[in-house]
């Protein structure tokens, strides 16, 4: 009979979970905003990716140590921060060019 350790105690599970949090927080908001919000731009995307990736580390190694409600999986707060930063930076920088917005509208309408 083979004994399988609890997956939550596995170092491999921990590493993979942390990596997925980083990828999800870095690229998830960028993909969602690129698909559903034509005002998103490259500066917002870059700022969102950097802040999302950084927030995963900050949450995991600093904030989660406080325990209680702060001990949640780092993907959620990092995703929210990345989304907010992407929106704010996109609104504070020039909008995408008219040609890009026209292409977005064309694709979104299905023509």
Protein backbone atom coordinates (compact mmCIF):
# COMPACT_ATOMS: atom_id res chain seq x y z
CA UNK A 1 0.00 0.00 0.00
CA UNK A 2 1.38 3.40 -0.99
CA UNK A 3 1.08 6.28 1.47
CA UNK A 4 0.27 9.59 -0.22
CA UNK A 5 1.08 12.70 1.81
CA UNK A 6 -1.53 15.40 2.27
CA UNK A 7 -1.25 17.56 -0.84
CA UNK A 8 -1.55 20.80 1.12
CA UNK A 9 1.65 19.90 2.98
CA UNK A 10 3.53 19.10 -0.23
CA UNK A 11 6.31 21.52 -1.21
CA UNK A 12 5.51 20.92 -4.88
CA UNK A 13 1.86 21.84 -4.31
CA UNK A 14 2.97 25.01 -2.51
CA UNK A 15 5.35 26.05 -5.29
CA UNK A 16 2.84 25.37 -8.07
CA UNK A 17 0.10 27.19 -6.16
CA UNK A 18 2.36 30.21 -5.71
CA UNK A 19 3.35 30.18 -9.40
CA UNK A 20 -0.29 30.03 -10.51
CA UNK A 21 -1.09 32.95 -8.22
CA UNK A 22 1.67 34.96 -9.87
CA UNK A 23 0.54 34.12 -13.39
CA UNK A 24 -3.13 34.66 -12.59
CA UNK A 25 -2.58 38.02 -10.90
CA UNK A 26 -0.19 39.24 -13.58
CA UNK A 27 -2.00 38.20 -16.74
CA UNK A 28 -5.64 37.65 -15.73
CA UNK A 29 -6.66 41.32 -15.37
CA UNK A 30 -4.78 42.26 -18.55
CA UNK A 31 -6.62 39.61 -20.56
CA UNK A 32 -10.02 40.52 -19.11
CA UNK A 33 -9.57 44.23 -19.70
CA UNK A 34 -8.18 43.69 -23.20
CA UNK A 35 -11.26 41.67 -24.09
CA UNK A 36 -13.95 43.78 -22.44
CA UNK A 37 -12.66 47.37 -22.08
CA UNK A 38 -11.33 49.23 -25.11
CA UNK A 39 -9.84 52.03 -22.98
CA UNK A 40 -7.17 49.70 -21.58
CA UNK A 41 -3.72 50.50 -22.96
CA UNK A 42 -0.17 49.18 -22.84
CA UNK A 43 0.86 51.34 -19.89
CA UNK A 44 -2.07 50.12 -17.82
CA UNK A 45 -1.29 46.53 -18.81
CA UNK A 46 2.38 46.84 -17.87
CA UNK A 47 1.61 48.55 -14.55
CA UNK A 48 -1.07 45.95 -13.79
CA UNK A 49 1.26 43.04 -14.50
CA UNK A 50 4.03 44.46 -12.35
CA UNK A 51 1.72 45.35 -9.45
CA UNK A 52 -0.06 41.99 -9.60
CA UNK A 53 3.18 40.04 -9.57
CA UNK A 54 4.61 42.15 -6.76
CA UNK A 55 1.42 41.90 -4.71
CA UNK A 56 1.58 38.10 -4.78
CA UNK A 57 4.95 38.27 -3.01
CA UNK A 58 3.90 41.07 -0.65
CA UNK A 59 0.72 39.25 0.34
CA UNK A 60 2.34 35.83 0.73
CA UNK A 61 5.38 36.89 2.73
CA UNK A 62 4.16 39.95 4.66
CA UNK A 63 0.40 40.45 4.86
CA UNK A 64 -0.70 36.78 5.13
CA UNK A 65 1.52 36.42 8.21
CA UNK A 66 -0.97 38.63 10.08
CA UNK A 67 -3.39 35.69 10.00
CA UNK A 68 -7.15 35.78 10.25
CA UNK A 69 -8.88 37.21 7.18
CA UNK A 70 -5.46 38.14 5.77
CA UNK A 71 -4.47 34.47 5.48
CA UNK A 72 -6.38 34.03 2.21
CA UNK A 73 -4.86 32.75 -1.03
CA UNK A 74 -2.68 35.54 -2.46
CA UNK A 75 -4.23 35.33 -5.92
CA UNK A 76 -7.42 37.17 -4.92
CA UNK A 77 -5.95 40.36 -3.44
CA UNK A 78 -3.18 40.48 -6.06
CA UNK A 79 -5.75 40.11 -8.87
CA UNK A 80 -7.85 42.95 -7.43
CA UNK A 81 -4.82 45.22 -7.04
CA UNK A 82 -3.62 44.47 -10.59
CA UNK A 83 -7.09 45.16 -11.98
CA UNK A 84 -7.37 48.46 -10.12
CA UNK A 85 -3.86 49.61 -11.11
CA UNK A 86 -4.50 48.69 -14.75
CA UNK A 87 -7.71 50.77 -14.80
CA UNK A 88 -6.22 53.77 -13.00
CA UNK A 89 -3.05 53.89 -15.12
CA UNK A 90 -5.05 53.40 -18.33
CA UNK A 91 -7.28 56.34 -17.39
CA UNK A 92 -4.29 58.53 -16.47
CA UNK A 93 -2.44 57.92 -19.74
CA UNK A 94 -3.44 58.64 -23.34
CA UNK A 95 -6.20 56.46 -24.79
CA UNK A 96 -5.36 53.95 -27.52
CA UNK A 97 -5.24 55.37 -31.04
CA UNK A 98 -8.48 55.68 -33.02
CA UNK A 99 -7.44 52.89 -35.39
CA UNK A 100 -7.06 50.48 -32.48
CA UNK A 101 -10.42 51.51 -31.01
CA UNK A 102 -12.07 51.06 -34.43
CA UNK A 103 -10.57 47.57 -34.75
CA UNK A 104 -11.79 46.76 -31.23
CA UNK A 105 -15.32 47.91 -32.11
CA UNK A 106 -15.27 45.92 -35.36
CA UNK A 107 -14.20 42.72 -33.61
CA UNK A 108 -16.59 43.27 -30.68
CA UNK A 109 -19.56 43.74 -33.01
CA UNK A 110 -18.69 40.59 -34.97
CA UNK A 111 -18.45 42.28 -38.37
